[in-house]
Each structure stands twice: as C-alpha cells, then as structure tokens.
C-alpha cells in the first residue's frame, strides 16, 4: 500500500509541472490523509527528492534524482502490461538471475526486473557487462510467448528493433543494429541484448529478454579497453538523459513490437531489422562453433539466421561472433 501511495504522490507532483499544490488537493488526488502525505514527502526528501513547502501554497516538486525506481517509471508508462509489475533493486548480481527466479514463481508476462547497479551483468557467451551504478538501464523483461521453440531467435531481433526505435526516437542519434544483439552508434556499442529461455520439446515456458544500455555513463571514467569499443548516449549527445522516461519509451516500443509480432508474424520485424542493420552488404567474418566464414552479409531468413554469401555458397549463420571493417564495438 505504501509503495502505491508513493507512486501516486510522485505522479501528482510531476503532473503539476512544478506549480504548487495544496496539501488538501494532494490528499484528495492521492486518496490519503494530509498527515500521510506529509510522511511520504519526508521519506522522498530523504531519498534525494527536493520538494518545496510554502505556507498557504502547499508543495511543489523542485528536483528529482535520476532513479529507475517504480515511482519514477509509472508516471511515464504508456503500456498495457509491460512494466506494470516491477522488481526494483539498488544492487544485484544480475537482473537475469532474478528474472529467472521470478518467472519460475509465476511472474506475469511483461514483468520487469530493473537495477541501479549490477555486479555480474551478463552478456553473450558468458561475458561480463560493465554496469556502473545509476548510469544505465540494466533490465530484464519476462515474456511468455505462444510460439514454437524454433521461433525463439525472433525475439532477440524483435527486441533489438524495438530498443533501437526507442533510442532513435528520444535522441535522434544514428543507432544501428549489429547482428544479432548489439546496438551501435558510430561503430561503438551502446546496448547489448541477451535472450534466454526455458522450455521443453517444442514448448516455451518463458523467455527473459535482458538489456544493458549505457545511458549516462561518463566515457572518460571508463577503463581504456572499454573506451575503444563502447559509448554512451550521454557521450554522444553531450547531455544526460532521464533514464526512467527512456525506460518507459523502450517498454512501449517493446510491447508494440511484441504484440505486432504475435498478430502478424516475423516478416515486419525482419524487414525493419534489415533497414536498420549496419552490416548488410558488408564483407564480414562470422566465427561460429563450426568454424569461421567470410563473405557478404545479405539478409535474414525467415528463421532469423543471417545469410552469408561465401565463395562456397550461401551459409545461414545462427550464432556467431561477427567482425567487419566498420565495427569497433567488440564485446562489452
């Protein structure tokens, strides 16, 4: 109950657009006593919110700390299901681990795990994702898609299209997709997407779509190896971004893409992915568990595999490390 009061209180203060609201008006809108409003305002102040109180005028929100707590996300949500259930952690080893546990316990579709900091953030093939505190979006989304197991690779491509769309919409930066799970700006990695699932035979029990996005990281503070391959939205824009607003936009695009996929299939996702990929038409090297292949990246097939035209013919690549001349992203 206390959390829902806080959520509604912050929503009301944000909606007032920094104008004063009387304690009586806030009490009426939130649905609790003025004494309860005062108590929650004091708690918010202790967490870094600056709320001005003026006799005969009331309260107004002056400053919001950059947090991705539920009370900061909810006022911006435009979704039906995605992000409506949130587990928020100040610190965690990995949001993927927490999301797997929650999914096994019966978490609803669209539930998310979000953290301010990860100690063991996971990328593809067991790599560590650099996740410094309060600088990025470290999130895992739980899905329960009614699709065959063989279609699971579609979801990574769907997520990359949706996240790219949200980043480009809010920043107008030239975000490109690197197959299958990275987003690049000027050849450097700004986001990684990791899709994991649990299922048996041809049935999917649940899917966890994890993402790590470098939002407000100061690249100058990164280790040298990371500066060479990665970037952040703040570094590219020259200004910080409100993370909760961006997160809500990502969830809106993700839900829209997911519902469209369930209704219309993979073809629209495939087409948009190919338009936004920075790799098609380029000569690349794909290092797979079966060996390395060099050739021209042509398109995706209906299964989500990258078709590579080599001297030996067209090779479908399902999982690989991709290298090409225009890429400096490596793996973060």
C-alpha atoms as a PDB file:
ATOM      1  CA  UNK A   1       0.000   0.000   0.000  1.00  0.00           C
ATOM      2  CA  UNK A   2       2.797   2.406   0.932  1.00  0.00           C
ATOM      3  CA  UNK A   3       4.513   1.907  -2.429  1.00  0.00           C
ATOM      4  CA  UNK A   4       1.312   2.619  -4.371  1.00  0.00           C
ATOM      5  CA  UNK A   5       0.798   5.838  -2.351  1.00  0.00           C
ATOM      6  CA  UNK A   6       4.343   6.929  -3.173  1.00  0.00           C
ATOM      7  CA  UNK A   7       3.803   6.122  -6.843  1.00  0.00           C
ATOM      8  CA  UNK A   8       0.635   8.192  -6.978  1.00  0.00           C
ATOM      9  CA  UNK A   9       2.160  11.042  -4.956  1.00  0.00           C
ATOM     10  CA  UNK A  10       5.091  11.359  -7.341  1.00  0.00           C
ATOM     11  CA  UNK A  11       2.758  11.108 -10.335  1.00  0.00           C
ATOM     12  CA  UNK A  12       0.656  14.001  -8.956  1.00  0.00           C
ATOM     13  CA  UNK A  13       3.733  16.145  -8.207  1.00  0.00           C
ATOM     14  CA  UNK A  14       5.199  15.504 -11.670  1.00  0.00           C
ATOM     15  CA  UNK A  15       1.857  16.297 -13.345  1.00  0.00           C
ATOM     16  CA  UNK A  16       1.670  19.651 -11.524  1.00  0.00           C
ATOM     17  CA  UNK A  17       4.657  20.775 -13.600  1.00  0.00           C
ATOM     18  CA  UNK A  18       6.478  22.425 -10.676  1.00  0.00           C
ATOM     19  CA  UNK A  19       3.488  24.539  -9.620  1.00  0.00           C
ATOM     20  CA  UNK A  20       2.300  24.477  -6.013  1.00  0.00           C
ATOM     21  CA  UNK A  21      -0.427  22.065  -4.925  1.00  0.00           C
ATOM     22  CA  UNK A  22      -2.107  22.432  -1.555  1.00  0.00           C
ATOM     23  CA  UNK A  23      -1.865  19.592   0.925  1.00  0.00           C
ATOM     24  CA  UNK A  24      -5.650  19.267   0.728  1.00  0.00           C
ATOM     25  CA  UNK A  25      -5.560  18.934  -3.071  1.00  0.00           C
ATOM     26  CA  UNK A  26      -2.757  16.372  -2.977  1.00  0.00           C
ATOM     27  CA  UNK A  27      -4.607  14.458  -0.264  1.00  0.00           C
ATOM     28  CA  UNK A  28      -7.749  14.352  -2.405  1.00  0.00           C
ATOM     29  CA  UNK A  29      -5.891  13.248  -5.558  1.00  0.00           C
ATOM     30  CA  UNK A  30      -3.829  10.569  -3.830  1.00  0.00           C
ATOM     31  CA  UNK A  31      -6.673   9.390  -1.603  1.00  0.00           C
ATOM     32  CA  UNK A  32      -4.993   9.511   1.813  1.00  0.00           C
ATOM     33  CA  UNK A  33      -4.859  11.911   4.752  1.00  0.00           C
ATOM     34  CA  UNK A  34      -2.748  15.059   4.785  1.00  0.00           C
ATOM     35  CA  UNK A  35      -0.710  13.536   7.620  1.00  0.00           C
ATOM     36  CA  UNK A  36       0.099  10.537   5.388  1.00  0.00           C
ATOM     37  CA  UNK A  37       1.075  12.886   2.530  1.00  0.00           C
ATOM     38  CA  UNK A  38       3.455  14.754   4.833  1.00  0.00           C
ATOM     39  CA  UNK A  39       5.015  11.449   5.980  1.00  0.00           C
ATOM     40  CA  UNK A  40       5.631  10.262   2.400  1.00  0.00           C
ATOM     41  CA  UNK A  41       7.029  13.639   1.350  1.00  0.00           C
ATOM     42  CA  UNK A  42       9.553  13.429   4.196  1.00  0.00           C
ATOM     43  CA  UNK A  43      10.573   9.937   3.033  1.00  0.00           C
ATOM     44  CA  UNK A  44      11.015  11.176  -0.538  1.00  0.00           C
ATOM     45  CA  UNK A  45      13.181  14.057   0.668  1.00  0.00           C
ATOM     46  CA  UNK A  46      15.445  11.561   2.431  1.00  0.00           C
ATOM     47  CA  UNK A  47      15.873   9.754  -0.903  1.00  0.00           C
ATOM     48  CA  UNK A  48      17.041  12.877  -2.716  1.00  0.00           C
ATOM     49  CA  UNK A  49      13.807  14.478  -3.934  1.00  0.00           C
ATOM     50  CA  UNK A  50      13.669  18.237  -3.405  1.00  0.00           C
ATOM     51  CA  UNK A  51      10.092  19.187  -2.528  1.00  0.00           C
ATOM     52  CA  UNK A  52       9.436  22.792  -1.555  1.00  0.00           C
ATOM     53  CA  UNK A  53       6.776  23.503   1.078  1.00  0.00           C
ATOM     54  CA  UNK A  54       5.316  27.004   1.364  1.00  0.00           C
ATOM     55  CA  UNK A  55       2.611  28.124   3.831  1.00  0.00           C
ATOM     56  CA  UNK A  56      -0.791  28.757   2.166  1.00  0.00           C
ATOM     57  CA  UNK A  57       0.619  27.486  -1.152  1.00  0.00           C
ATOM     58  CA  UNK A  58       1.382  23.810  -0.474  1.00  0.00           C
ATOM     59  CA  UNK A  59       4.054  21.651  -2.098  1.00  0.00           C
ATOM     60  CA  UNK A  60       5.887  21.569  -5.386  1.00  0.00           C
ATOM     61  CA  UNK A  61       8.492  19.246  -6.850  1.00  0.00           C
ATOM     62  CA  UNK A  62      11.752  21.086  -7.497  1.00  0.00           C
ATOM     63  CA  UNK A  63      14.205  18.281  -8.201  1.00  0.00           C
ATOM     64  CA  UNK A  64      14.002  14.533  -8.927  1.00  0.00           C
ATOM     65  CA  UNK A  65      17.048  12.283  -8.516  1.00  0.00           C
ATOM     66  CA  UNK A  66      17.800  10.140 -11.556  1.00  0.00           C
ATOM     67  CA  UNK A  67      16.427   6.803 -10.345  1.00  0.00           C
ATOM     68  CA  UNK A  68      14.722   3.918 -12.121  1.00  0.00           C
ATOM     69  CA  UNK A  69      12.530   3.069  -9.145  1.00  0.00           C
ATOM     70  CA  UNK A  70       8.879   2.138  -9.790  1.00  0.00           C
ATOM     71  CA  UNK A  71       7.572   5.523  -8.626  1.00  0.00           C
ATOM     72  CA  UNK A  72       9.730   7.200 -11.279  1.00  0.00           C
ATOM     73  CA  UNK A  73       8.766   4.775 -14.065  1.00  0.00           C
ATOM     74  CA  UNK A  74       4.998   4.524 -13.551  1.00  0.00           C
ATOM     75  CA  UNK A  75       4.143   8.183 -14.381  1.00  0.00           C
ATOM     76  CA  UNK A  76       5.709   7.716 -17.842  1.00  0.00           C
ATOM     77  CA  UNK A  77       4.306   4.273 -18.728  1.00  0.00           C
ATOM     78  CA  UNK A  78       2.071   4.022 -21.783  1.00  0.00           C
ATOM     79  CA  UNK A  79       1.825   0.233 -21.829  1.00  0.00           C
ATOM     80  CA  UNK A  80      -0.940  -2.252 -21.087  1.00  0.00           C
ATOM     81  CA  UNK A  81       1.198  -4.958 -19.466  1.00  0.00           C
ATOM     82  CA  UNK A  82       4.924  -4.294 -19.932  1.00  0.00           C
ATOM     83  CA  UNK A  83       6.445  -2.721 -16.831  1.00  0.00           C
ATOM     84  CA  UNK A  84       3.217  -2.848 -14.820  1.00  0.00           C
ATOM     85  CA  UNK A  85       4.867  -5.299 -12.413  1.00  0.00           C
ATOM     86  CA  UNK A  86       8.367  -4.235 -11.329  1.00  0.00           C
ATOM     87  CA  UNK A  87      11.043  -5.660  -9.079  1.00  0.00           C
ATOM     88  CA  UNK A  88      13.452  -2.814  -8.357  1.00  0.00           C
ATOM     89  CA  UNK A  89      16.901  -3.457  -6.920  1.00  0.00           C
ATOM     90  CA  UNK A  90      19.524  -0.925  -5.903  1.00  0.00           C
ATOM     91  CA  UNK A  91      22.202  -3.591  -6.390  1.00  0.00           C
ATOM     92  CA  UNK A  92      22.157  -7.117  -7.749  1.00  0.00           C
ATOM     93  CA  UNK A  93      24.499  -9.639  -9.287  1.00  0.00           C
ATOM     94  CA  UNK A  94      22.384  -9.842 -12.458  1.00  0.00           C
ATOM     95  CA  UNK A  95      18.806  -8.885 -13.324  1.00  0.00           C
ATOM     96  CA  UNK A  96      18.700 -12.044 -15.486  1.00  0.00           C
ATOM     97  CA  UNK A  97      19.179 -14.278 -12.441  1.00  0.00           C
ATOM     98  CA  UNK A  98      16.416 -12.504 -10.500  1.00  0.00           C
ATOM     99  CA  UNK A  99      14.076 -12.594 -13.515  1.00  0.00           C
ATOM    100  CA  UNK A 100      14.566 -16.349 -13.983  1.00  0.00           C
ATOM    101  CA  UNK A 101      13.625 -16.943 -10.351  1.00  0.00           C
ATOM    102  CA  UNK A 102      10.583 -14.662 -10.586  1.00  0.00           C
ATOM    103  CA  UNK A 103       9.448 -16.309 -13.827  1.00  0.00           C
ATOM    104  CA  UNK A 104       9.612 -19.738 -12.190  1.00  0.00           C
ATOM    105  CA  UNK A 105       7.467 -18.341  -9.362  1.00  0.00           C
ATOM    106  CA  UNK A 106       4.791 -17.308 -11.879  1.00  0.00           C
ATOM    107  CA  UNK A 107       5.596 -13.678 -12.755  1.00  0.00           C
ATOM    108  CA  UNK A 108       3.134 -12.265 -15.308  1.00  0.00           C
ATOM    109  CA  UNK A 109       4.123 -11.512 -18.883  1.00  0.00           C
ATOM    110  CA  UNK A 110       5.654  -8.048 -19.166  1.00  0.00           C
ATOM    111  CA  UNK A 111       7.012  -8.022 -15.618  1.00  0.00           C
ATOM    112  CA  UNK A 112      10.460  -6.438 -15.377  1.00  0.00           C
ATOM    113  CA  UNK A 113      13.481  -6.566 -13.103  1.00  0.00           C
ATOM    114  CA  UNK A 114      15.434  -3.311 -13.032  1.00  0.00           C
ATOM    115  CA  UNK A 115      18.580  -2.465 -11.088  1.00  0.00           C
ATOM    116  CA  UNK A 116      20.643   0.638 -10.441  1.00  0.00           C
ATOM    117  CA  UNK A 117      23.827  -1.446 -10.427  1.00  0.00           C
ATOM    118  CA  UNK A 118      24.889  -4.968 -11.442  1.00  0.00           C
ATOM    119  CA  UNK A 119      27.965  -6.726 -10.131  1.00  0.00           C
ATOM    120  CA  UNK A 120      27.872  -9.627 -12.572  1.00  0.00           C
ATOM    121  CA  UNK A 121      25.944  -8.280 -15.547  1.00  0.00           C
ATOM    122  CA  UNK A 122      25.880 -10.896 -18.302  1.00  0.00           C
ATOM    123  CA  UNK A 123      26.474 -10.549 -22.000  1.00  0.00           C
ATOM    124  CA  UNK A 124      26.511 -13.208 -24.674  1.00  0.00           C
ATOM    125  CA  UNK A 125      28.710 -16.279 -24.294  1.00  0.00           C
ATOM    126  CA  UNK A 126      29.247 -15.664 -20.575  1.00  0.00           C
ATOM    127  CA  UNK A 127      30.906 -12.268 -20.916  1.00  0.00           C
ATOM    128  CA  UNK A 128      30.633  -9.662 -18.175  1.00  0.00           C
ATOM    129  CA  UNK A 129      28.649  -6.498 -18.924  1.00  0.00           C
ATOM    130  CA  UNK A 130      30.093  -3.331 -17.382  1.00  0.00           C
ATOM    131  CA  UNK A 131      27.201  -1.953 -15.248  1.00  0.00           C
ATOM    132  CA  UNK A 132      28.300   1.013 -13.065  1.00  0.00           C
ATOM    133  CA  UNK A 133      25.753   2.433 -10.587  1.00  0.00           C
ATOM    134  CA  UNK A 134      22.987   4.828 -11.670  1.00  0.00           C
ATOM    135  CA  UNK A 135      24.334   5.367 -15.181  1.00  0.00           C
ATOM    136  CA  UNK A 136      22.430   2.919 -17.338  1.00  0.00           C
ATOM    137  CA  UNK A 137      19.383   0.764 -17.849  1.00  0.00           C
ATOM    138  CA  UNK A 138      20.073  -2.744 -16.611  1.00  0.00           C
ATOM    139  CA  UNK A 139      16.773  -4.538 -17.134  1.00  0.00           C
ATOM    140  CA  UNK A 140      15.232  -7.959 -17.783  1.00  0.00           C
ATOM    141  CA  UNK A 141      11.731  -8.437 -19.233  1.00  0.00           C
ATOM    142  CA  UNK A 142       9.722 -11.642 -18.739  1.00  0.00           C
ATOM    143  CA  UNK A 143       7.775 -12.950 -21.744  1.00  0.00           C
ATOM    144  CA  UNK A 144       5.533 -15.990 -22.176  1.00  0.00           C
ATOM    145  CA  UNK A 145       5.141 -16.167 -25.970  1.00  0.00           C
ATOM    146  CA  UNK A 146       2.768 -18.751 -27.502  1.00  0.00           C
ATOM    147  CA  UNK A 147       5.268 -19.637 -30.214  1.00  0.00           C
ATOM    148  CA  UNK A 148       7.226 -22.801 -31.058  1.00  0.00           C
ATOM    149  CA  UNK A 149      10.712 -23.201 -29.647  1.00  0.00           C
ATOM    150  CA  UNK A 150      12.193 -22.885 -33.144  1.00  0.00           C
ATOM    151  CA  UNK A 151      10.935 -19.289 -33.373  1.00  0.00           C
ATOM    152  CA  UNK A 152      12.702 -18.142 -30.200  1.00  0.00           C
ATOM    153  CA  UNK A 153      15.549 -16.392 -32.152  1.00  0.00           C
ATOM    154  CA  UNK A 154      12.932 -13.977 -33.497  1.00  0.00           C
ATOM    155  CA  UNK A 155      12.638 -12.429 -30.027  1.00  0.00           C
ATOM    156  CA  UNK A 156      16.231 -11.177 -29.871  1.00  0.00           C
ATOM    157  CA  UNK A 157      15.803  -9.495 -33.252  1.00  0.00           C
ATOM    158  CA  UNK A 158      12.427  -8.090 -32.202  1.00  0.00           C
ATOM    159  CA  UNK A 159      13.963  -6.623 -29.053  1.00  0.00           C
ATOM    160  CA  UNK A 160      16.855  -5.046 -30.960  1.00  0.00           C
ATOM    161  CA  UNK A 161      14.402  -3.388 -33.377  1.00  0.00           C
ATOM    162  CA  UNK A 162      12.197  -2.077 -30.545  1.00  0.00           C
ATOM    163  CA  UNK A 163      15.058  -0.730 -28.434  1.00  0.00           C
ATOM    164  CA  UNK A 164      16.727   0.861 -31.459  1.00  0.00           C
ATOM    165  CA  UNK A 165      13.451   2.571 -32.316  1.00  0.00           C
ATOM    166  CA  UNK A 166      13.097   3.966 -28.777  1.00  0.00           C
ATOM    167  CA  UNK A 167      16.698   5.223 -28.613  1.00  0.00           C
ATOM    168  CA  UNK A 168      16.480   6.876 -32.024  1.00  0.00           C
ATOM    169  CA  UNK A 169      13.107   8.434 -31.186  1.00  0.00           C
ATOM    170  CA  UNK A 170      14.286  10.081 -27.962  1.00  0.00           C
ATOM    171  CA  UNK A 171      17.825  11.008 -29.010  1.00  0.00           C
ATOM    172  CA  UNK A 172      17.755  11.246 -32.836  1.00  0.00           C
ATOM    173  CA  UNK A 173      21.161   9.551 -32.794  1.00  0.00           C
ATOM    174  CA  UNK A 174      22.172   7.263 -35.716  1.00  0.00           C
ATOM    175  CA  UNK A 175      21.662   3.951 -33.895  1.00  0.00           C
ATOM    176  CA  UNK A 176      22.456   0.851 -35.953  1.00  0.00           C
ATOM    177  CA  UNK A 177      21.916  -2.842 -35.244  1.00  0.00           C
ATOM    178  CA  UNK A 178      24.770  -5.324 -35.249  1.00  0.00           C
ATOM    179  CA  UNK A 179      23.534  -8.896 -35.665  1.00  0.00           C
ATOM    180  CA  UNK A 180      22.154 -10.333 -33.589  1.00  0.00           C
ATOM    181  CA  UNK A 181      22.046  -8.449 -30.314  1.00  0.00           C
ATOM    182  CA  UNK A 182      24.048  -5.208 -30.226  1.00  0.00           C
ATOM    183  CA  UNK A 183      23.168  -1.586 -30.916  1.00  0.00           C
ATOM    184  CA  UNK A 184      25.945   0.680 -32.145  1.00  0.00           C
ATOM    185  CA  UNK A 185      26.455   4.418 -32.521  1.00  0.00           C
ATOM    186  CA  UNK A 186      29.265   5.380 -34.881  1.00  0.00           C
ATOM    187  CA  UNK A 187      30.594   1.824 -34.694  1.00  0.00           C
ATOM    188  CA  UNK A 188      30.704   1.696 -30.879  1.00  0.00           C
ATOM    189  CA  UNK A 189      28.449  -0.374 -28.656  1.00  0.00           C
ATOM    190  CA  UNK A 190      25.777   1.408 -26.642  1.00  0.00           C
ATOM    191  CA  UNK A 191      23.453  -1.526 -25.893  1.00  0.00           C
ATOM    192  CA  UNK A 192      23.574  -5.293 -25.662  1.00  0.00           C
ATOM    193  CA  UNK A 193      20.566  -7.611 -25.617  1.00  0.00           C
ATOM    194  CA  UNK A 194      20.630 -11.125 -24.161  1.00  0.00           C
ATOM    195  CA  UNK A 195      17.702 -13.517 -24.653  1.00  0.00           C
ATOM    196  CA  UNK A 196      17.449 -16.657 -22.524  1.00  0.00           C
ATOM    197  CA  UNK A 197      14.599 -19.154 -22.338  1.00  0.00           C
ATOM    198  CA  UNK A 198      13.324 -22.164 -20.517  1.00  0.00           C
ATOM    199  CA  UNK A 199      11.267 -24.781 -22.315  1.00  0.00           C
ATOM    200  CA  UNK A 200      10.999 -28.409 -23.299  1.00  0.00           C
ATOM    201  CA  UNK A 201      10.334 -30.264 -26.528  1.00  0.00           C
ATOM    202  CA  UNK A 202       8.535 -27.639 -28.617  1.00  0.00           C
ATOM    203  CA  UNK A 203       7.049 -25.586 -25.777  1.00  0.00           C
ATOM    204  CA  UNK A 204       8.421 -22.359 -24.334  1.00  0.00           C
ATOM    205  CA  UNK A 205       7.758 -21.888 -20.623  1.00  0.00           C
ATOM    206  CA  UNK A 206       9.143 -18.350 -20.510  1.00  0.00           C
ATOM    207  CA  UNK A 207      11.706 -16.050 -22.124  1.00  0.00           C
ATOM    208  CA  UNK A 208      13.894 -13.465 -20.393  1.00  0.00           C
ATOM    209  CA  UNK A 209      14.969 -10.541 -22.569  1.00  0.00           C
ATOM    210  CA  UNK A 210      17.824  -8.771 -20.808  1.00  0.00           C
ATOM    211  CA  UNK A 211      19.311  -5.486 -21.895  1.00  0.00           C
ATOM    212  CA  UNK A 212      22.170  -3.299 -20.803  1.00  0.00           C
ATOM    213  CA  UNK A 213      22.154   0.270 -22.104  1.00  0.00           C
ATOM    214  CA  UNK A 214      24.911   2.783 -21.460  1.00  0.00           C
ATOM    215  CA  UNK A 215      22.795   5.880 -20.840  1.00  0.00           C
ATOM    216  CA  UNK A 216      24.567   8.484 -18.697  1.00  0.00           C
ATOM    217  CA  UNK A 217      27.970   6.876 -18.262  1.00  0.00           C
ATOM    218  CA  UNK A 218      30.923   9.257 -18.424  1.00  0.00           C
ATOM    219  CA  UNK A 219      33.129   7.559 -21.001  1.00  0.00           C
ATOM    220  CA  UNK A 220      36.172   9.401 -19.637  1.00  0.00           C
ATOM    221  CA  UNK A 221      35.818   7.375 -16.408  1.00  0.00           C
ATOM    222  CA  UNK A 222      35.830   4.002 -18.195  1.00  0.00           C
ATOM    223  CA  UNK A 223      38.837   1.693 -18.407  1.00  0.00           C
ATOM    224  CA  UNK A 224      40.869   2.177 -21.590  1.00  0.00           C
ATOM    225  CA  UNK A 225      39.778  -1.112 -23.199  1.00  0.00           C
ATOM    226  CA  UNK A 226      36.130  -0.112 -22.846  1.00  0.00           C
ATOM    227  CA  UNK A 227      36.616   3.383 -24.288  1.00  0.00           C
ATOM    228  CA  UNK A 228      37.834   1.784 -27.511  1.00  0.00           C
ATOM    229  CA  UNK A 229      34.733  -0.344 -28.057  1.00  0.00           C
ATOM    230  CA  UNK A 230      31.852   1.313 -26.202  1.00  0.00           C
ATOM    231  CA  UNK A 231      29.986   4.580 -25.914  1.00  0.00           C
ATOM    232  CA  UNK A 232      27.046   6.067 -24.015  1.00  0.00           C
ATOM    233  CA  UNK A 233      24.036   8.120 -25.033  1.00  0.00           C
ATOM    234  CA  UNK A 234      25.267  10.979 -22.843  1.00  0.00           C
ATOM    235  CA  UNK A 235      28.673  10.930 -24.502  1.00  0.00           C
ATOM    236  CA  UNK A 236      27.138  11.031 -27.978  1.00  0.00           C
ATOM    237  CA  UNK A 237      24.525  13.682 -27.129  1.00  0.00           C
ATOM    238  CA  UNK A 238      26.608  15.877 -24.861  1.00  0.00           C
ATOM    239  CA  UNK A 239      23.902  15.873 -22.179  1.00  0.00           C
ATOM    240  CA  UNK A 240      22.338  13.451 -19.705  1.00  0.00           C
ATOM    241  CA  UNK A 241      19.038  11.642 -20.328  1.00  0.00           C
ATOM    242  CA  UNK A 242      16.262  10.959 -17.811  1.00  0.00           C
ATOM    243  CA  UNK A 243      16.541   7.197 -17.523  1.00  0.00           C
ATOM    244  CA  UNK A 244      13.010   6.440 -16.299  1.00  0.00           C
ATOM    245  CA  UNK A 245      11.492   8.288 -19.264  1.00  0.00           C
ATOM    246  CA  UNK A 246      13.733   6.383 -21.663  1.00  0.00           C
ATOM    247  CA  UNK A 247      12.910   3.093 -19.986  1.00  0.00           C
ATOM    248  CA  UNK A 248       9.175   3.762 -20.340  1.00  0.00           C
ATOM    249  CA  UNK A 249       9.649   4.537 -24.052  1.00  0.00           C
ATOM    250  CA  UNK A 250      11.585   1.290 -24.514  1.00  0.00           C
ATOM    251  CA  UNK A 251       8.803  -0.695 -22.839  1.00  0.00           C
ATOM    252  CA  UNK A 252       6.189   0.985 -25.054  1.00  0.00           C
ATOM    253  CA  UNK A 253       8.093   0.108 -28.231  1.00  0.00           C
ATOM    254  CA  UNK A 254       8.825  -3.402 -26.982  1.00  0.00           C
ATOM    255  CA  UNK A 255       5.175  -4.094 -26.171  1.00  0.00           C
ATOM    256  CA  UNK A 256       4.027  -2.701 -29.514  1.00  0.00           C
ATOM    257  CA  UNK A 257       6.573  -4.786 -31.433  1.00  0.00           C
ATOM    258  CA  UNK A 258       5.777  -7.922 -29.436  1.00  0.00           C
ATOM    259  CA  UNK A 259       2.013  -7.631 -29.945  1.00  0.00           C
ATOM    260  CA  UNK A 260       2.551  -6.907 -33.637  1.00  0.00           C
ATOM    261  CA  UNK A 261       4.750  -9.990 -33.900  1.00  0.00           C
ATOM    262  CA  UNK A 262       2.130 -12.214 -32.274  1.00  0.00           C
ATOM    263  CA  UNK A 263      -0.518 -10.863 -34.657  1.00  0.00           C
ATOM    264  CA  UNK A 264       1.416 -10.561 -37.922  1.00  0.00           C
ATOM    265  CA  UNK A 265       4.441 -12.809 -37.568  1.00  0.00           C
ATOM    266  CA  UNK A 266       8.153 -12.222 -38.135  1.00  0.00           C
ATOM    267  CA  UNK A 267       8.089 -10.598 -41.593  1.00  0.00           C
ATOM    268  CA  UNK A 268       7.567  -6.935 -40.462  1.00  0.00           C
ATOM    269  CA  UNK A 269      10.276  -7.303 -37.787  1.00  0.00           C
ATOM    270  CA  UNK A 270      12.632  -8.857 -40.325  1.00  0.00           C
ATOM    271  CA  UNK A 271      12.048  -6.000 -42.774  1.00  0.00           C
ATOM    272  CA  UNK A 272      12.656  -3.271 -40.185  1.00  0.00           C
ATOM    273  CA  UNK A 273      15.716  -5.058 -38.827  1.00  0.00           C
ATOM    274  CA  UNK A 274      17.240  -5.201 -42.315  1.00  0.00           C
ATOM    275  CA  UNK A 275      16.603  -1.478 -42.844  1.00  0.00           C
ATOM    276  CA  UNK A 276      18.372  -0.583 -39.600  1.00  0.00           C
ATOM    277  CA  UNK A 277      21.238  -3.067 -39.687  1.00  0.00           C
ATOM    278  CA  UNK A 278      24.676  -1.628 -40.212  1.00  0.00           C
ATOM    279  CA  UNK A 279      26.002  -4.900 -41.531  1.00  0.00           C
ATOM    280  CA  UNK A 280      24.085  -5.865 -44.693  1.00  0.00           C
ATOM    281  CA  UNK A 281      26.088  -5.605 -47.884  1.00  0.00           C
ATOM    282  CA  UNK A 282      29.340  -5.615 -45.911  1.00  0.00           C
ATOM    283  CA  UNK A 283      32.052  -8.253 -46.021  1.00  0.00           C
ATOM    284  CA  UNK A 284      32.184  -9.865 -42.601  1.00  0.00           C
ATOM    285  CA  UNK A 285      33.759 -12.765 -40.789  1.00  0.00           C
ATOM    286  CA  UNK A 286      31.442 -14.940 -38.704  1.00  0.00           C
ATOM    287  CA  UNK A 287      33.188 -17.078 -36.115  1.00  0.00           C
ATOM    288  CA  UNK A 288      30.897 -19.974 -35.198  1.00  0.00           C
ATOM    289  CA  UNK A 289      31.322 -23.155 -33.190  1.00  0.00           C
ATOM    290  CA  UNK A 290      31.577 -24.991 -36.534  1.00  0.00           C
ATOM    291  CA  UNK A 291      34.322 -22.705 -37.872  1.00  0.00           C
ATOM    292  CA  UNK A 292      34.807 -19.260 -39.422  1.00  0.00           C
ATOM    293  CA  UNK A 293      33.111 -17.981 -42.574  1.00  0.00           C
ATOM    294  CA  UNK A 294      33.924 -14.858 -44.561  1.00  0.00           C
ATOM    295  CA  UNK A 295      31.551 -13.355 -47.071  1.00  0.00           C
ATOM    296  CA  UNK A 296      28.916 -10.710 -47.776  1.00  0.00           C
ATOM    297  CA  UNK A 297      26.064 -10.381 -45.263  1.00  0.00           C
ATOM    298  CA  UNK A 298      22.946 -10.461 -47.431  1.00  0.00           C
ATOM    299  CA  UNK A 299      19.769 -10.691 -45.356  1.00  0.00           C
ATOM    300  CA  UNK A 300      17.922 -12.576 -42.636  1.00  0.00           C
ATOM    301  CA  UNK A 301      15.991 -15.710 -43.466  1.00  0.00           C
ATOM    302  CA  UNK A 302      12.555 -16.497 -42.036  1.00  0.00           C
ATOM    303  CA  UNK A 303      14.156 -18.180 -39.011  1.00  0.00           C
ATOM    304  CA  UNK A 304      16.239 -15.108 -38.099  1.00  0.00           C
ATOM    305  CA  UNK A 305      19.536 -16.551 -39.337  1.00  0.00           C
ATOM    306  CA  UNK A 306      21.970 -14.227 -41.111  1.00  0.00           C
ATOM    307  CA  UNK A 307      22.612 -15.343 -44.672  1.00  0.00           C
ATOM    308  CA  UNK A 308      26.272 -15.024 -45.601  1.00  0.00           C
ATOM    309  CA  UNK A 309      27.330 -15.338 -49.256  1.00  0.00           C
ATOM    310  CA  UNK A 310      30.733 -17.034 -49.275  1.00  0.00           C
ATOM    311  CA  UNK A 311      32.884 -18.476 -52.040  1.00  0.00           C
ATOM    312  CA  UNK A 312      31.373 -21.845 -51.175  1.00  0.00           C
ATOM    313  CA  UNK A 313      27.781 -20.577 -51.407  1.00  0.00           C
ATOM    314  CA  UNK A 314      25.196 -19.087 -49.047  1.00  0.00           C
ATOM    315  CA  UNK A 315      25.689 -20.070 -45.391  1.00  0.00           C
ATOM    316  CA  UNK A 316      22.971 -19.458 -42.736  1.00  0.00           C
ATOM    317  CA  UNK A 317      24.582 -18.212 -39.515  1.00  0.00           C
ATOM    318  CA  UNK A 318      22.550 -18.745 -36.338  1.00  0.00           C
ATOM    319  CA  UNK A 319      25.067 -17.809 -33.649  1.00  0.00           C
ATOM    320  CA  UNK A 320      28.478 -16.271 -34.138  1.00  0.00           C
ATOM    321  CA  UNK A 321      30.965 -13.581 -33.305  1.00  0.00           C
ATOM    322  CA  UNK A 322      30.791 -11.048 -36.128  1.00  0.00           C
ATOM    323  CA  UNK A 323      33.707  -8.904 -37.283  1.00  0.00           C
ATOM    324  CA  UNK A 324      33.770  -6.365 -40.068  1.00  0.00           C
ATOM    325  CA  UNK A 325      35.841  -3.337 -41.010  1.00  0.00           C
ATOM    326  CA  UNK A 326      33.337  -0.711 -39.855  1.00  0.00           C
ATOM    327  CA  UNK A 327      32.893  -2.221 -36.404  1.00  0.00           C
ATOM    328  CA  UNK A 328      34.912  -1.215 -33.361  1.00  0.00           C
ATOM    329  CA  UNK A 329      32.412  -2.418 -30.766  1.00  0.00           C
ATOM    330  CA  UNK A 330      33.983  -5.735 -29.801  1.00  0.00           C
ATOM    331  CA  UNK A 331      32.035  -7.255 -26.919  1.00  0.00           C
ATOM    332  CA  UNK A 332      31.148  -5.330 -23.757  1.00  0.00           C
END
